[in-house]
Amino acid sequence: MEKQLAVDEHTTLSLPTISNAIEIFSLVNQYRNDLREFLPWVDETHHVDDTREYIKFCLSQYDNGSALVYLLYYQNKIAGTLSFNTLDKSNDIAKIGYWLASCYQGQGLMTKACAKMIEYGFNGLHLNRIEIHCAINNIKSQNIPIRLNFKKEGELKQGIKLANNQYVDGVIYGLVKEDFNLKLTSPH
């Protein structure tokens, strides 16, 4: 698996290192109120040591091939993360997860980065299917798979756990390699 992917001249996806812990924690801490609405782990991240442990966990998942977590860099600053939260090798399926600090939202950064990650997933990792699961009321998150031609495949009753052990309905979006290839070769 690649340790780094170039998205464009300003944007890169790169594996985290322990030395990133302070910058990641500072970003999460600065945007804690916004992030915690849909990301329950934010309330469990109290200290930079929590972030260091998370990075160690991400690197162990990279080493055993069970997940691939990248930091999203924009103009050489960490803006968020983008990952294949799960890599199901027996079925060639991955689930994408992401978050982006509020100050970077609305610029198309995550959509471009997801497009690169999807291309890598299908062509580099030889996946057959990629999914994105979103809370039903997280419209910003849902807009990304919609823009990237994923198909809404259904809803999961109480399928997303948020902060304070609150469960909300989720939406599943899916894209298969065959449809991705059609999109790439179809005339505009």
N, C-alpha and C. Protein backbone atom coordinates (compact mmCIF):
# COMPACT_ATOMS: atom_id res chain seq x y z
N MET A 1 0.85 -1.18 0.00
CA MET A 1 0.00 0.00 0.00
C MET A 1 0.89 1.24 0.00
N GLU A 2 0.44 2.23 -0.73
CA GLU A 2 1.20 3.48 -0.84
C GLU A 2 1.20 4.25 0.48
N LYS A 3 2.32 4.87 0.79
CA LYS A 3 2.42 5.69 1.99
C LYS A 3 1.98 7.13 1.73
N GLN A 4 1.94 7.50 0.44
CA GLN A 4 1.57 8.88 0.09
C GLN A 4 0.92 8.89 -1.29
N LEU A 5 -0.10 9.74 -1.44
CA LEU A 5 -0.76 9.96 -2.73
C LEU A 5 -0.84 11.45 -2.98
N ALA A 6 -0.41 11.89 -4.15
CA ALA A 6 -0.57 13.30 -4.53
C ALA A 6 -1.95 13.49 -5.13
N VAL A 7 -2.70 14.42 -4.59
CA VAL A 7 -4.04 14.72 -5.10
C VAL A 7 -3.95 15.79 -6.17
N ASP A 8 -3.28 16.88 -5.86
CA ASP A 8 -3.00 17.96 -6.81
C ASP A 8 -1.78 18.72 -6.29
N GLU A 9 -1.47 19.85 -6.88
CA GLU A 9 -0.25 20.56 -6.49
C GLU A 9 -0.29 21.11 -5.06
N HIS A 10 -1.49 21.21 -4.48
CA HIS A 10 -1.64 21.76 -3.13
C HIS A 10 -2.05 20.72 -2.09
N THR A 11 -2.44 19.54 -2.54
CA THR A 11 -3.08 18.57 -1.65
C THR A 11 -2.41 17.20 -1.75
N THR A 12 -2.12 16.62 -0.59
CA THR A 12 -1.47 15.32 -0.51
C THR A 12 -2.13 14.48 0.57
N LEU A 13 -2.16 13.19 0.34
CA LEU A 13 -2.57 12.23 1.35
C LEU A 13 -1.32 11.50 1.80
N SER A 14 -1.10 11.41 3.10
CA SER A 14 0.13 10.81 3.61
C SER A 14 -0.14 10.06 4.91
N LEU A 15 0.53 8.92 5.08
CA LEU A 15 0.42 8.19 6.34
C LEU A 15 0.83 9.09 7.50
N PRO A 16 0.15 8.97 8.64
CA PRO A 16 0.56 9.76 9.80
C PRO A 16 1.84 9.18 10.40
N THR A 17 2.54 10.02 11.11
CA THR A 17 3.68 9.59 11.92
C THR A 17 3.46 10.12 13.33
N ILE A 18 4.16 9.55 14.29
CA ILE A 18 4.02 9.99 15.68
C ILE A 18 4.31 11.48 15.79
N SER A 19 5.20 11.98 14.97
CA SER A 19 5.54 13.41 15.03
C SER A 19 4.37 14.31 14.62
N ASN A 20 3.32 13.75 14.01
CA ASN A 20 2.13 14.52 13.64
C ASN A 20 1.15 14.71 14.79
N ALA A 21 1.37 14.03 15.90
CA ALA A 21 0.38 13.98 16.98
C ALA A 21 -0.02 15.36 17.49
N ILE A 22 0.93 16.23 17.71
CA ILE A 22 0.61 17.54 18.27
C ILE A 22 -0.24 18.35 17.29
N GLU A 23 0.13 18.33 16.02
CA GLU A 23 -0.63 19.10 15.02
C GLU A 23 -2.05 18.55 14.85
N ILE A 24 -2.18 17.22 14.83
CA ILE A 24 -3.52 16.61 14.70
C ILE A 24 -4.36 16.95 15.92
N PHE A 25 -3.79 16.74 17.11
CA PHE A 25 -4.54 17.02 18.33
C PHE A 25 -4.96 18.48 18.38
N SER A 26 -4.07 19.39 18.03
CA SER A 26 -4.40 20.83 18.04
C SER A 26 -5.55 21.14 17.10
N LEU A 27 -5.53 20.51 15.92
CA LEU A 27 -6.61 20.73 14.95
C LEU A 27 -7.94 20.20 15.48
N VAL A 28 -7.92 18.99 16.02
CA VAL A 28 -9.14 18.41 16.59
C VAL A 28 -9.62 19.28 17.74
N ASN A 29 -8.72 19.70 18.60
CA ASN A 29 -9.10 20.51 19.76
C ASN A 29 -9.69 21.85 19.33
N GLN A 30 -9.11 22.45 18.29
CA GLN A 30 -9.60 23.75 17.81
C GLN A 30 -11.02 23.63 17.23
N TYR A 31 -11.31 22.52 16.58
CA TYR A 31 -12.62 22.34 15.93
C TYR A 31 -13.47 21.27 16.61
N ARG A 32 -13.18 21.03 17.88
CA ARG A 32 -13.84 19.98 18.66
C ARG A 32 -15.37 20.06 18.59
N ASN A 33 -15.94 21.24 18.80
CA ASN A 33 -17.40 21.37 18.82
C ASN A 33 -18.03 21.00 17.49
N ASP A 34 -17.41 21.37 16.39
CA ASP A 34 -17.93 21.03 15.07
C ASP A 34 -17.78 19.54 14.79
N LEU A 35 -16.60 19.00 15.10
CA LEU A 35 -16.31 17.60 14.78
C LEU A 35 -17.13 16.62 15.61
N ARG A 36 -17.38 16.94 16.84
CA ARG A 36 -18.05 15.99 17.73
C ARG A 36 -19.50 15.72 17.33
N GLU A 37 -20.08 16.57 16.50
CA GLU A 37 -21.47 16.35 16.09
C GLU A 37 -21.64 14.99 15.41
N PHE A 38 -20.65 14.57 14.60
CA PHE A 38 -20.78 13.32 13.88
C PHE A 38 -19.65 12.32 14.15
N LEU A 39 -18.69 12.69 15.00
CA LEU A 39 -17.53 11.83 15.25
C LEU A 39 -17.40 11.54 16.75
N PRO A 40 -17.86 10.39 17.20
CA PRO A 40 -17.86 10.12 18.64
C PRO A 40 -16.48 10.02 19.26
N TRP A 41 -15.46 9.72 18.49
CA TRP A 41 -14.11 9.60 19.04
C TRP A 41 -13.55 10.93 19.54
N VAL A 42 -14.13 12.03 19.07
CA VAL A 42 -13.64 13.36 19.48
C VAL A 42 -13.75 13.51 21.01
N ASP A 43 -14.84 13.02 21.58
CA ASP A 43 -15.02 13.14 23.03
C ASP A 43 -14.08 12.24 23.82
N GLU A 44 -13.43 11.30 23.15
CA GLU A 44 -12.47 10.41 23.81
C GLU A 44 -11.03 10.87 23.59
N THR A 45 -10.87 12.00 22.89
CA THR A 45 -9.55 12.54 22.60
C THR A 45 -9.32 13.75 23.48
N HIS A 46 -8.70 13.50 24.65
CA HIS A 46 -8.53 14.55 25.65
C HIS A 46 -7.12 15.12 25.71
N HIS A 47 -6.16 14.36 25.20
CA HIS A 47 -4.76 14.75 25.34
C HIS A 47 -3.99 14.31 24.11
N VAL A 48 -2.88 14.94 23.84
CA VAL A 48 -2.05 14.58 22.70
C VAL A 48 -1.63 13.11 22.76
N ASP A 49 -1.53 12.53 23.97
CA ASP A 49 -1.19 11.11 24.08
C ASP A 49 -2.27 10.22 23.46
N ASP A 50 -3.54 10.65 23.53
CA ASP A 50 -4.63 9.91 22.89
C ASP A 50 -4.40 9.87 21.38
N THR A 51 -3.95 10.99 20.84
CA THR A 51 -3.68 11.07 19.40
C THR A 51 -2.46 10.21 19.04
N ARG A 52 -1.45 10.20 19.88
CA ARG A 52 -0.28 9.33 19.63
C ARG A 52 -0.70 7.87 19.58
N GLU A 53 -1.55 7.46 20.52
CA GLU A 53 -2.03 6.06 20.54
C GLU A 53 -2.84 5.75 19.29
N TYR A 54 -3.64 6.72 18.85
CA TYR A 54 -4.42 6.53 17.62
C TYR A 54 -3.49 6.35 16.42
N ILE A 55 -2.46 7.15 16.34
CA ILE A 55 -1.51 7.04 15.23
C ILE A 55 -0.83 5.66 15.25
N LYS A 56 -0.43 5.20 16.43
CA LYS A 56 0.17 3.87 16.54
C LYS A 56 -0.80 2.80 16.04
N PHE A 57 -2.06 2.93 16.41
CA PHE A 57 -3.08 1.99 15.97
C PHE A 57 -3.23 2.03 14.45
N CYS A 58 -3.28 3.23 13.88
CA CYS A 58 -3.39 3.38 12.41
C CYS A 58 -2.21 2.73 11.70
N LEU A 59 -1.02 2.92 12.24
CA LEU A 59 0.17 2.35 11.61
C LEU A 59 0.18 0.82 11.72
N SER A 60 -0.35 0.29 12.82
CA SER A 60 -0.44 -1.17 12.94
C SER A 60 -1.46 -1.72 11.94
N GLN A 61 -2.55 -0.98 11.71
CA GLN A 61 -3.53 -1.40 10.71
C GLN A 61 -2.92 -1.36 9.31
N TYR A 62 -2.11 -0.35 9.04
CA TYR A 62 -1.41 -0.26 7.76
C TYR A 62 -0.50 -1.48 7.60
N ASP A 63 0.25 -1.80 8.65
CA ASP A 63 1.19 -2.92 8.59
C ASP A 63 0.49 -4.26 8.34
N ASN A 64 -0.70 -4.45 8.93
CA ASN A 64 -1.38 -5.73 8.73
C ASN A 64 -2.41 -5.69 7.59
N GLY A 65 -2.53 -4.53 6.93
CA GLY A 65 -3.39 -4.42 5.76
C GLY A 65 -4.88 -4.37 6.04
N SER A 66 -5.27 -4.06 7.28
CA SER A 66 -6.70 -4.06 7.62
C SER A 66 -7.36 -2.70 7.43
N ALA A 67 -6.56 -1.64 7.31
CA ALA A 67 -7.09 -0.28 7.10
C ALA A 67 -5.96 0.59 6.56
N LEU A 68 -6.35 1.73 6.02
CA LEU A 68 -5.38 2.67 5.47
C LEU A 68 -5.85 4.08 5.81
N VAL A 69 -5.17 4.70 6.78
CA VAL A 69 -5.54 6.04 7.24
C VAL A 69 -4.49 7.03 6.75
N TYR A 70 -4.97 8.04 6.04
CA TYR A 70 -4.09 9.11 5.55
C TYR A 70 -4.44 10.42 6.24
N LEU A 71 -3.43 11.26 6.42
CA LEU A 71 -3.65 12.65 6.77
C LEU A 71 -3.85 13.39 5.46
N LEU A 72 -4.81 14.30 5.44
CA LEU A 72 -5.04 15.14 4.27
C LEU A 72 -4.30 16.45 4.51
N TYR A 73 -3.28 16.68 3.71
CA TYR A 73 -2.50 17.91 3.79
C TYR A 73 -2.98 18.86 2.69
N TYR A 74 -3.23 20.10 3.08
CA TYR A 74 -3.53 21.14 2.12
C TYR A 74 -2.55 22.29 2.37
N GLN A 75 -1.81 22.65 1.36
CA GLN A 75 -0.76 23.67 1.47
C GLN A 75 0.15 23.40 2.66
N ASN A 76 0.57 22.14 2.76
CA ASN A 76 1.51 21.66 3.77
C ASN A 76 1.01 21.72 5.21
N LYS A 77 -0.30 21.85 5.40
CA LYS A 77 -0.89 21.82 6.74
C LYS A 77 -1.92 20.70 6.79
N ILE A 78 -2.01 20.03 7.93
CA ILE A 78 -3.01 18.97 8.10
C ILE A 78 -4.39 19.62 8.14
N ALA A 79 -5.28 19.13 7.27
CA ALA A 79 -6.64 19.66 7.19
C ALA A 79 -7.68 18.67 7.70
N GLY A 80 -7.31 17.39 7.79
CA GLY A 80 -8.23 16.35 8.22
C GLY A 80 -7.64 14.99 7.93
N THR A 81 -8.51 13.99 7.89
CA THR A 81 -8.07 12.63 7.54
C THR A 81 -9.01 12.02 6.52
N LEU A 82 -8.48 11.05 5.81
CA LEU A 82 -9.26 10.29 4.82
C LEU A 82 -8.74 8.87 4.90
N SER A 83 -9.65 7.93 4.98
CA SER A 83 -9.18 6.55 5.18
C SER A 83 -10.09 5.52 4.55
N PHE A 84 -9.49 4.37 4.32
CA PHE A 84 -10.24 3.14 4.15
C PHE A 84 -10.30 2.58 5.56
N ASN A 85 -11.40 2.86 6.27
CA ASN A 85 -11.53 2.42 7.66
C ASN A 85 -11.48 0.92 7.79
N THR A 86 -11.99 0.25 6.80
CA THR A 86 -11.89 -1.22 6.76
C THR A 86 -11.51 -1.62 5.35
N LEU A 87 -10.64 -2.60 5.29
CA LEU A 87 -10.27 -3.23 4.02
C LEU A 87 -10.62 -4.71 4.14
N ASP A 88 -11.69 -5.11 3.48
CA ASP A 88 -12.13 -6.50 3.48
C ASP A 88 -11.50 -7.17 2.26
N LYS A 89 -10.34 -7.77 2.48
CA LYS A 89 -9.57 -8.36 1.38
C LYS A 89 -10.27 -9.58 0.77
N SER A 90 -11.00 -10.32 1.57
CA SER A 90 -11.64 -11.53 1.04
C SER A 90 -12.75 -11.18 0.05
N ASN A 91 -13.33 -9.99 0.17
CA ASN A 91 -14.39 -9.57 -0.74
C ASN A 91 -14.00 -8.37 -1.59
N ASP A 92 -12.78 -7.86 -1.43
CA ASP A 92 -12.29 -6.70 -2.18
C ASP A 92 -13.19 -5.47 -2.01
N ILE A 93 -13.52 -5.20 -0.74
CA ILE A 93 -14.40 -4.08 -0.38
C ILE A 93 -13.69 -3.20 0.64
N ALA A 94 -13.88 -1.90 0.52
CA ALA A 94 -13.38 -0.95 1.53
C ALA A 94 -14.48 0.04 1.88
N LYS A 95 -14.42 0.54 3.12
CA LYS A 95 -15.31 1.60 3.57
C LYS A 95 -14.48 2.84 3.81
N ILE A 96 -14.90 3.93 3.20
CA ILE A 96 -14.21 5.22 3.35
C ILE A 96 -14.78 5.97 4.55
N GLY A 97 -13.87 6.62 5.28
CA GLY A 97 -14.24 7.53 6.35
C GLY A 97 -13.42 8.80 6.20
N TYR A 98 -13.95 9.92 6.65
CA TYR A 98 -13.23 11.19 6.52
C TYR A 98 -13.74 12.22 7.49
N TRP A 99 -12.88 13.17 7.77
CA TRP A 99 -13.27 14.40 8.46
C TRP A 99 -12.35 15.52 7.98
N LEU A 100 -12.89 16.71 8.03
CA LEU A 100 -12.17 17.88 7.55
C LEU A 100 -12.46 19.03 8.51
N ALA A 101 -11.42 19.72 8.94
CA ALA A 101 -11.61 20.88 9.82
C ALA A 101 -12.50 21.91 9.12
N SER A 102 -13.33 22.56 9.89
CA SER A 102 -14.32 23.51 9.35
C SER A 102 -13.70 24.58 8.47
N CYS A 103 -12.51 25.05 8.81
CA CYS A 103 -11.89 26.13 8.05
C CYS A 103 -11.50 25.69 6.63
N TYR A 104 -11.46 24.39 6.36
CA TYR A 104 -11.11 23.89 5.04
C TYR A 104 -12.32 23.42 4.23
N GLN A 105 -13.49 23.44 4.84
CA GLN A 105 -14.69 22.94 4.16
C GLN A 105 -15.18 23.93 3.11
N GLY A 106 -15.93 23.41 2.14
CA GLY A 106 -16.52 24.24 1.11
C GLY A 106 -15.60 24.58 -0.04
N GLN A 107 -14.42 23.95 -0.10
CA GLN A 107 -13.46 24.22 -1.17
C GLN A 107 -13.28 23.04 -2.12
N GLY A 108 -14.01 21.95 -1.86
CA GLY A 108 -13.87 20.77 -2.71
C GLY A 108 -12.68 19.89 -2.37
N LEU A 109 -11.99 20.19 -1.27
CA LEU A 109 -10.79 19.43 -0.91
C LEU A 109 -11.09 17.95 -0.68
N MET A 110 -12.11 17.68 0.13
CA MET A 110 -12.40 16.28 0.45
C MET A 110 -12.93 15.54 -0.75
N THR A 111 -13.70 16.18 -1.59
CA THR A 111 -14.21 15.51 -2.79
C THR A 111 -13.05 15.12 -3.70
N LYS A 112 -12.10 16.04 -3.92
CA LYS A 112 -10.92 15.73 -4.75
C LYS A 112 -10.08 14.63 -4.13
N ALA A 113 -9.88 14.72 -2.83
CA ALA A 113 -9.08 13.71 -2.14
C ALA A 113 -9.76 12.34 -2.20
N CYS A 114 -11.08 12.32 -2.00
CA CYS A 114 -11.82 11.05 -2.10
C CYS A 114 -11.72 10.47 -3.50
N ALA A 115 -11.80 11.31 -4.51
CA ALA A 115 -11.69 10.83 -5.89
C ALA A 115 -10.34 10.14 -6.09
N LYS A 116 -9.27 10.72 -5.56
CA LYS A 116 -7.94 10.12 -5.66
C LYS A 116 -7.88 8.80 -4.89
N MET A 117 -8.47 8.78 -3.71
CA MET A 117 -8.48 7.57 -2.88
C MET A 117 -9.25 6.45 -3.57
N ILE A 118 -10.36 6.80 -4.18
CA ILE A 118 -11.17 5.81 -4.89
C ILE A 118 -10.40 5.25 -6.09
N GLU A 119 -9.77 6.12 -6.85
CA GLU A 119 -8.95 5.68 -7.98
C GLU A 119 -7.86 4.73 -7.50
N TYR A 120 -7.20 5.08 -6.41
CA TYR A 120 -6.16 4.21 -5.86
C TYR A 120 -6.75 2.88 -5.38
N GLY A 121 -7.92 2.95 -4.75
CA GLY A 121 -8.56 1.73 -4.26
C GLY A 121 -8.87 0.76 -5.39
N PHE A 122 -9.44 1.26 -6.46
CA PHE A 122 -9.80 0.39 -7.58
C PHE A 122 -8.58 -0.05 -8.38
N ASN A 123 -7.70 0.88 -8.69
CA ASN A 123 -6.58 0.57 -9.58
C ASN A 123 -5.32 0.09 -8.87
N GLY A 124 -5.08 0.59 -7.66
CA GLY A 124 -3.86 0.20 -6.94
C GLY A 124 -4.06 -0.96 -5.99
N LEU A 125 -5.21 -0.97 -5.31
CA LEU A 125 -5.48 -2.04 -4.34
C LEU A 125 -6.39 -3.12 -4.93
N HIS A 126 -6.86 -2.91 -6.14
CA HIS A 126 -7.70 -3.88 -6.86
C HIS A 126 -8.99 -4.20 -6.12
N LEU A 127 -9.58 -3.17 -5.52
CA LEU A 127 -10.88 -3.33 -4.88
C LEU A 127 -11.95 -3.48 -5.95
N ASN A 128 -13.04 -4.09 -5.57
CA ASN A 128 -14.19 -4.20 -6.47
C ASN A 128 -15.31 -3.27 -6.03
N ARG A 129 -15.35 -2.93 -4.74
CA ARG A 129 -16.45 -2.13 -4.21
C ARG A 129 -15.92 -1.20 -3.13
N ILE A 130 -16.43 0.03 -3.13
CA ILE A 130 -16.11 1.00 -2.09
C ILE A 130 -17.43 1.57 -1.56
N GLU A 131 -17.52 1.66 -0.24
CA GLU A 131 -18.72 2.17 0.41
C GLU A 131 -18.40 3.41 1.23
N ILE A 132 -19.40 4.26 1.37
CA ILE A 132 -19.35 5.39 2.30
C ILE A 132 -20.64 5.35 3.09
N HIS A 133 -20.51 5.32 4.42
CA HIS A 133 -21.67 5.35 5.31
C HIS A 133 -21.69 6.70 5.99
N CYS A 134 -22.87 7.34 6.01
CA CYS A 134 -23.01 8.67 6.61
C CYS A 134 -24.24 8.69 7.51
N ALA A 135 -24.20 9.53 8.53
CA ALA A 135 -25.41 9.79 9.31
C ALA A 135 -26.42 10.45 8.39
N ILE A 136 -27.68 10.09 8.54
CA ILE A 136 -28.73 10.56 7.64
C ILE A 136 -28.86 12.09 7.65
N ASN A 137 -28.49 12.72 8.77
CA ASN A 137 -28.60 14.18 8.85
C ASN A 137 -27.27 14.89 8.58
N ASN A 138 -26.26 14.15 8.14
CA ASN A 138 -24.97 14.76 7.80
C ASN A 138 -24.93 15.02 6.29
N ILE A 139 -25.58 16.08 5.89
CA ILE A 139 -25.73 16.41 4.48
C ILE A 139 -24.39 16.71 3.81
N LYS A 140 -23.50 17.42 4.50
CA LYS A 140 -22.18 17.72 3.92
C LYS A 140 -21.44 16.43 3.58
N SER A 141 -21.50 15.47 4.47
CA SER A 141 -20.81 14.20 4.23
C SER A 141 -21.46 13.43 3.08
N GLN A 142 -22.78 13.46 3.01
CA GLN A 142 -23.49 12.76 1.93
C GLN A 142 -23.23 13.39 0.56
N ASN A 143 -22.98 14.67 0.53
CA ASN A 143 -22.74 15.34 -0.76
C ASN A 143 -21.50 14.80 -1.47
N ILE A 144 -20.54 14.29 -0.71
CA ILE A 144 -19.31 13.79 -1.33
C ILE A 144 -19.57 12.55 -2.18
N PRO A 145 -20.17 11.49 -1.64
CA PRO A 145 -20.44 10.34 -2.52
C PRO A 145 -21.40 10.68 -3.66
N ILE A 146 -22.32 11.59 -3.42
CA ILE A 146 -23.24 11.98 -4.49
C ILE A 146 -22.46 12.62 -5.64
N ARG A 147 -21.54 13.54 -5.31
CA ARG A 147 -20.72 14.19 -6.34
C ARG A 147 -19.84 13.20 -7.08
N LEU A 148 -19.46 12.11 -6.41
CA LEU A 148 -18.54 11.13 -6.99
C LEU A 148 -19.27 9.95 -7.63
N ASN A 149 -20.55 10.12 -7.90
CA ASN A 149 -21.37 9.14 -8.62
C ASN A 149 -21.57 7.82 -7.90
N PHE A 150 -21.50 7.85 -6.57
CA PHE A 150 -21.90 6.67 -5.81
C PHE A 150 -23.41 6.53 -5.90
N LYS A 151 -23.90 5.34 -5.71
CA LYS A 151 -25.35 5.09 -5.69
C LYS A 151 -25.80 4.97 -4.24
N LYS A 152 -26.89 5.65 -3.92
CA LYS A 152 -27.49 5.47 -2.60
C LYS A 152 -28.14 4.10 -2.60
N GLU A 153 -27.70 3.24 -1.69
CA GLU A 153 -28.14 1.85 -1.71
C GLU A 153 -29.13 1.52 -0.60
N GLY A 154 -29.25 2.39 0.37
CA GLY A 154 -30.20 2.10 1.43
C GLY A 154 -29.90 2.86 2.70
N GLU A 155 -30.69 2.56 3.70
CA GLU A 155 -30.55 3.19 5.00
C GLU A 155 -30.41 2.10 6.06
N LEU A 156 -29.70 2.44 7.11
CA LEU A 156 -29.50 1.54 8.24
C LEU A 156 -30.16 2.16 9.47
N LYS A 157 -31.21 1.54 9.93
CA LYS A 157 -31.90 2.08 11.12
C LYS A 157 -30.93 2.04 12.30
N GLN A 158 -30.71 3.20 12.89
CA GLN A 158 -29.80 3.38 14.01
C GLN A 158 -28.43 2.76 13.73
N GLY A 159 -27.95 2.94 12.52
CA GLY A 159 -26.70 2.32 12.08
C GLY A 159 -25.45 3.13 12.34
N ILE A 160 -25.59 4.34 12.87
CA ILE A 160 -24.43 5.19 13.14
C ILE A 160 -24.48 5.60 14.62
N LYS A 161 -23.37 5.37 15.31
CA LYS A 161 -23.27 5.75 16.72
C LYS A 161 -22.55 7.09 16.82
N LEU A 162 -23.20 8.04 17.48
CA LEU A 162 -22.62 9.36 17.68
C LEU A 162 -22.20 9.52 19.13
N ALA A 163 -21.84 10.73 19.51
CA ALA A 163 -21.43 11.01 20.88
C ALA A 163 -22.57 10.67 21.85
N ASN A 164 -22.21 10.45 23.08
CA ASN A 164 -23.18 10.15 24.15
C ASN A 164 -24.01 8.91 23.86
N ASN A 165 -23.43 7.96 23.12
CA ASN A 165 -24.11 6.70 22.77
C ASN A 165 -25.46 6.93 22.11
N GLN A 166 -25.55 7.98 21.31
CA GLN A 166 -26.78 8.27 20.56
C GLN A 166 -26.66 7.58 19.21
N TYR A 167 -27.70 6.84 18.83
CA TYR A 167 -27.73 6.14 17.55
C TYR A 167 -28.66 6.89 16.60
N VAL A 168 -28.18 7.08 15.36
CA VAL A 168 -28.99 7.72 14.33
C VAL A 168 -29.01 6.82 13.10
N ASP A 169 -29.98 7.06 12.25
CA ASP A 169 -30.07 6.29 11.02
C ASP A 169 -28.90 6.66 10.11
N GLY A 170 -28.45 5.70 9.36
CA GLY A 170 -27.35 5.92 8.44
C GLY A 170 -27.77 5.70 7.00
N VAL A 171 -26.98 6.24 6.09
CA VAL A 171 -27.21 6.06 4.66
C VAL A 171 -25.97 5.38 4.09
N ILE A 172 -26.19 4.38 3.25
CA ILE A 172 -25.09 3.67 2.60
C ILE A 172 -25.02 4.08 1.14
N TYR A 173 -23.81 4.48 0.73
CA TYR A 173 -23.52 4.76 -0.67
C TYR A 173 -22.49 3.76 -1.14
N GLY A 174 -22.65 3.25 -2.36
CA GLY A 174 -21.70 2.29 -2.88
C GLY A 174 -21.29 2.61 -4.30
N LEU A 175 -20.08 2.19 -4.64
CA LEU A 175 -19.56 2.33 -6.00
C LEU A 175 -18.77 1.07 -6.29
N VAL A 176 -19.05 0.45 -7.44
CA VAL A 176 -18.29 -0.73 -7.84
C VAL A 176 -17.35 -0.35 -8.98
N LYS A 177 -16.28 -1.12 -9.09
CA LYS A 177 -15.23 -0.80 -10.06
C LYS A 177 -15.79 -0.69 -11.48
N GLU A 178 -16.69 -1.58 -11.82
CA GLU A 178 -17.29 -1.58 -13.16
C GLU A 178 -17.94 -0.23 -13.48
N ASP A 179 -18.65 0.34 -12.52
CA ASP A 179 -19.30 1.64 -12.72
C ASP A 179 -18.28 2.77 -12.71
N PHE A 180 -17.24 2.64 -11.92
CA PHE A 180 -16.16 3.63 -11.88
C PHE A 180 -15.46 3.67 -13.23
N ASN A 181 -15.17 2.52 -13.79
CA ASN A 181 -14.52 2.45 -15.09
C ASN A 181 -15.40 3.03 -16.19
N LEU A 182 -16.71 2.79 -16.12
CA LEU A 182 -17.64 3.37 -17.09
C LEU A 182 -17.61 4.88 -17.01
N LYS A 183 -17.56 5.41 -15.79
CA LYS A 183 -17.53 6.86 -15.60
C LYS A 183 -16.27 7.45 -16.22
N LEU A 184 -15.15 6.75 -16.08
CA LEU A 184 -13.90 7.25 -16.63
C LEU A 184 -13.87 7.23 -18.15
N THR A 185 -14.54 6.27 -18.76
CA THR A 185 -14.46 6.12 -20.21
C THR A 185 -15.64 6.75 -20.94
N SER A 186 -16.67 7.17 -20.19
CA SER A 186 -17.84 7.72 -20.89
C SER A 186 -17.52 9.13 -21.40
N PRO A 187 -18.06 9.48 -22.58
CA PRO A 187 -17.83 10.82 -23.12
C PRO A 187 -18.56 11.88 -22.31
N HIS A 188 -18.02 13.08 -22.28
CA HIS A 188 -18.63 14.18 -21.51
C HIS A 188 -19.45 15.07 -22.40
